[in-house]
């Protein structure tokens, strides 16, 4: 997973895009082959094409936008924060609720992918 990058116009901000692409390239061209040689991967056909074509990146999770301190204070994961634990109101709270839902969906997708790989 690639995480904690800023988003501009619906995608990773310019300074992060090259880094994300490099991480995916290195994972696909160096890390995965090394793990495969060591016998630490599943058979190639067990990986969905989308995962292989995306450099084995399970998900790109952007910056949590203020949710992390709230989660730390509440002692729960970011996606498990209750509305009253956000310590915000109005549009700020609305944005935090939307971000929390986005992160929950993304992590659920990761869990589903991993579960599919293991079955």
Protein backbone atom coordinates (compact mmCIF):
# COMPACT_ATOMS: atom_id res chain seq x y z
CA UNK A 1 0.00 0.00 0.00
CA UNK A 2 1.06 3.51 -0.74
CA UNK A 3 -0.19 6.00 1.79
CA UNK A 4 -0.04 9.48 3.33
CA UNK A 5 0.25 11.60 0.21
CA UNK A 6 -1.63 14.79 -0.64
CA UNK A 7 -4.33 14.82 -3.28
CA UNK A 8 -4.90 17.57 -5.84
CA UNK A 9 -7.70 17.46 -8.40
CA UNK A 10 -8.64 13.90 -7.51
CA UNK A 11 -5.20 12.30 -7.76
CA UNK A 12 -1.87 12.28 -5.97
CA UNK A 13 -0.23 15.70 -5.97
CA UNK A 14 2.57 16.11 -8.51
CA UNK A 15 5.48 15.66 -6.08
CA UNK A 16 4.10 12.29 -5.00
CA UNK A 17 3.13 10.83 -8.38
CA UNK A 18 6.73 10.08 -9.41
CA UNK A 19 7.45 8.50 -6.02
CA UNK A 20 4.35 6.32 -6.22
CA UNK A 21 5.24 5.22 -9.74
CA UNK A 22 8.80 4.41 -8.63
CA UNK A 23 7.58 2.36 -5.66
CA UNK A 24 5.30 0.34 -7.93
CA UNK A 25 8.05 -0.19 -10.50
CA UNK A 26 10.61 -1.32 -7.92
CA UNK A 27 8.06 -3.60 -6.26
CA UNK A 28 7.17 -5.24 -9.56
CA UNK A 29 10.64 -5.42 -11.08
CA UNK A 30 12.84 -6.10 -8.04
CA UNK A 31 10.95 -6.94 -4.84
CA UNK A 32 8.43 -9.39 -6.26
CA UNK A 33 11.05 -11.35 -8.27
CA UNK A 34 13.30 -11.56 -5.18
CA UNK A 35 10.41 -12.80 -3.04
CA UNK A 36 9.43 -15.28 -5.76
CA UNK A 37 12.99 -16.63 -5.95
CA UNK A 38 12.92 -17.13 -2.18
CA UNK A 39 9.62 -19.03 -2.46
CA UNK A 40 7.69 -16.32 -0.61
CA UNK A 41 4.96 -15.62 -3.16
CA UNK A 42 1.81 -17.29 -4.36
CA UNK A 43 1.78 -18.83 -7.83
CA UNK A 44 1.68 -16.07 -10.46
CA UNK A 45 -1.79 -17.06 -11.65
CA UNK A 46 -3.21 -16.54 -8.15
CA UNK A 47 -2.68 -12.77 -8.39
CA UNK A 48 -5.42 -10.83 -10.18
CA UNK A 49 -4.26 -9.05 -13.34
CA UNK A 50 -5.23 -5.69 -11.86
CA UNK A 51 -2.89 -6.26 -8.92
CA UNK A 52 0.01 -7.41 -11.11
CA UNK A 53 -0.51 -4.56 -13.58
CA UNK A 54 -0.50 -2.01 -10.76
CA UNK A 55 2.88 -3.03 -9.37
CA UNK A 56 1.30 -5.26 -6.70
CA UNK A 57 -0.06 -2.14 -5.02
CA UNK A 58 -3.07 -3.09 -2.92
CA UNK A 59 -4.28 0.49 -2.52
CA UNK A 60 -3.27 4.15 -2.59
CA UNK A 61 -4.48 5.74 0.63
CA UNK A 62 -4.06 9.53 0.77
CA UNK A 63 -3.29 11.59 3.85
CA UNK A 64 -5.84 11.21 6.64
CA UNK A 65 -6.49 14.98 6.73
CA UNK A 66 -6.66 15.54 10.48
CA UNK A 67 -8.19 12.19 11.40
CA UNK A 68 -5.00 10.66 12.78
CA UNK A 69 -4.75 12.86 15.91
CA UNK A 70 -8.44 12.20 16.64
CA UNK A 71 -7.93 8.46 16.27
CA UNK A 72 -4.90 8.59 18.54
CA UNK A 73 -6.84 10.51 21.21
CA UNK A 74 -9.80 8.13 20.96
CA UNK A 75 -7.59 5.03 20.89
CA UNK A 76 -9.27 3.62 17.78
CA UNK A 77 -8.35 3.18 14.11
CA UNK A 78 -9.14 6.15 11.87
CA UNK A 79 -12.00 4.31 10.17
CA UNK A 80 -13.62 3.51 13.55
CA UNK A 81 -13.89 7.09 14.79
CA UNK A 82 -17.36 8.15 15.92
CA UNK A 83 -18.65 11.51 14.74
CA UNK A 84 -18.38 12.96 18.26
CA UNK A 85 -14.69 11.97 18.38
CA UNK A 86 -13.84 14.15 15.37
CA UNK A 87 -13.79 17.32 17.48
CA UNK A 88 -15.09 19.35 14.55
CA UNK A 89 -18.30 20.93 13.32
CA UNK A 90 -19.80 22.12 10.06
CA UNK A 91 -18.00 21.62 6.79
CA UNK A 92 -14.83 20.48 8.54
CA UNK A 93 -16.74 17.68 10.25
CA UNK A 94 -18.48 16.81 6.97
CA UNK A 95 -15.11 16.54 5.22
CA UNK A 96 -13.71 14.38 8.03
CA UNK A 97 -16.74 12.08 7.85
CA UNK A 98 -16.29 11.71 4.09
CA UNK A 99 -12.56 11.03 4.49
CA UNK A 100 -13.27 8.44 7.21
CA UNK A 101 -15.74 6.68 4.91
CA UNK A 102 -13.24 6.74 2.04
CA UNK A 103 -10.51 5.21 4.19
CA UNK A 104 -12.91 2.57 5.51
CA UNK A 105 -13.87 1.60 1.95
CA UNK A 106 -10.25 1.46 0.82
CA UNK A 107 -9.16 -0.70 3.76
CA UNK A 108 -12.17 -2.97 3.26
CA UNK A 109 -11.08 -3.41 -0.37
CA UNK A 110 -7.57 -4.32 0.78
CA UNK A 111 -8.95 -6.86 3.23
CA UNK A 112 -11.19 -8.35 0.55
CA UNK A 113 -8.28 -8.64 -1.89
CA UNK A 114 -6.08 -10.31 0.71
CA UNK A 115 -8.87 -12.68 1.69
CA UNK A 116 -9.40 -13.63 -1.96
CA UNK A 117 -5.66 -14.26 -2.36
CA UNK A 118 -5.57 -16.54 0.66
CA UNK A 119 -8.58 -18.63 -0.36
